[in-house]
Amino acid sequence: MTQSRAAGGHAMGAGRRECLWQREQLPEPIRELVLDDQRLRNSICWWAFDC
């Protein structure tokens, strides 16, 4: 693997960890509402909510 691809993979992993951490910070009563909304909008938002 080239240096730039390795760095890109590390950044992608960091982004996914950040996304998961942010989801964990959501208060329980609204977590499912937020995640459901993200699932519904994901395909029209270039899969920005995949993590």
C-alpha atoms as a PDB file:
ATOM      1  CA  MET A   1       0.000   0.000   0.000  1.00  0.00           C
ATOM      2  CA  THR A   2       1.324   3.420  -0.853  1.00  0.00           C
ATOM      3  CA  GLN A   3       1.900   6.096   1.753  1.00  0.00           C
ATOM      4  CA  SER A   4      -0.999   8.247   0.537  1.00  0.00           C
ATOM      5  CA  ARG A   5      -3.432   5.322   0.508  1.00  0.00           C
ATOM      6  CA  ALA A   6      -2.345   4.309   3.999  1.00  0.00           C
ATOM      7  CA  ALA A   7      -2.856   7.861   5.259  1.00  0.00           C
ATOM      8  CA  GLY A   8      -6.251   7.991   3.542  1.00  0.00           C
ATOM      9  CA  GLY A   9      -7.251   4.726   5.201  1.00  0.00           C
ATOM     10  CA  HIS A  10      -6.220   6.069   8.607  1.00  0.00           C
ATOM     11  CA  ALA A  11      -8.229   9.254   8.050  1.00  0.00           C
ATOM     12  CA  MET A  12     -11.250   7.241   6.954  1.00  0.00           C
ATOM     13  CA  GLY A  13     -11.003   5.078  10.073  1.00  0.00           C
ATOM     14  CA  ALA A  14     -10.723   8.180  12.246  1.00  0.00           C
ATOM     15  CA  GLY A  15     -13.791   9.659  10.563  1.00  0.00           C
ATOM     16  CA  ARG A  16     -15.812   6.520  11.227  1.00  0.00           C
ATOM     17  CA  ARG A  17     -14.748   6.439  14.874  1.00  0.00           C
ATOM     18  CA  GLU A  18     -15.750  10.100  15.215  1.00  0.00           C
ATOM     19  CA  CYS A  19     -19.133   9.407  13.617  1.00  0.00           C
ATOM     20  CA  LEU A  20     -19.799   6.502  15.978  1.00  0.00           C
ATOM     21  CA  TRP A  21     -18.667   8.567  18.982  1.00  0.00           C
ATOM     22  CA  GLN A  22     -21.032  11.377  18.014  1.00  0.00           C
ATOM     23  CA  ARG A  23     -23.935   8.954  17.721  1.00  0.00           C
ATOM     24  CA  GLU A  24     -23.157   7.603  21.189  1.00  0.00           C
ATOM     25  CA  GLN A  25     -23.371  11.146  22.581  1.00  0.00           C
ATOM     26  CA  LEU A  26     -26.980  11.585  21.469  1.00  0.00           C
ATOM     27  CA  PRO A  27     -29.457  11.431  24.322  1.00  0.00           C
ATOM     28  CA  GLU A  28     -31.273   8.099  24.303  1.00  0.00           C
ATOM     29  CA  PRO A  29     -34.764   9.575  23.716  1.00  0.00           C
ATOM     30  CA  ILE A  30     -33.713  11.152  20.404  1.00  0.00           C
ATOM     31  CA  ARG A  31     -31.008   8.739  19.185  1.00  0.00           C
ATOM     32  CA  GLU A  32     -33.358   6.533  17.135  1.00  0.00           C
ATOM     33  CA  LEU A  33     -35.103   9.577  15.655  1.00  0.00           C
ATOM     34  CA  VAL A  34     -31.778  11.024  14.483  1.00  0.00           C
ATOM     35  CA  LEU A  35     -30.496   7.701  13.145  1.00  0.00           C
ATOM     36  CA  ASP A  36     -33.769   7.026  11.327  1.00  0.00           C
ATOM     37  CA  ASP A  37     -33.634  10.479   9.737  1.00  0.00           C
ATOM     38  CA  GLN A  38     -30.045   9.855   8.641  1.00  0.00           C
ATOM     39  CA  ARG A  39     -31.013   6.498   7.108  1.00  0.00           C
ATOM     40  CA  LEU A  40     -33.824   8.151   5.140  1.00  0.00           C
ATOM     41  CA  ARG A  41     -31.612  10.984   3.823  1.00  0.00           C
ATOM     42  CA  ASN A  42     -28.385   9.040   3.357  1.00  0.00           C
ATOM     43  CA  SER A  43     -28.765   8.225  -0.351  1.00  0.00           C
ATOM     44  CA  ILE A  44     -29.554  11.821  -1.314  1.00  0.00           C
ATOM     45  CA  CYS A  45     -26.648  13.149   0.800  1.00  0.00           C
ATOM     46  CA  TRP A  46     -23.905  11.120  -0.906  1.00  0.00           C
ATOM     47  CA  TRP A  47     -23.932   8.563   1.905  1.00  0.00           C
ATOM     48  CA  ALA A  48     -22.610  11.170   4.348  1.00  0.00           C
ATOM     49  CA  PHE A  49     -24.166   9.320   7.267  1.00  0.00           C
ATOM     50  CA  ASP A  50     -22.438   5.966   6.732  1.00  0.00           C
ATOM     51  CA  CYS A  51     -20.052   5.112   9.486  1.00  0.00           C
END
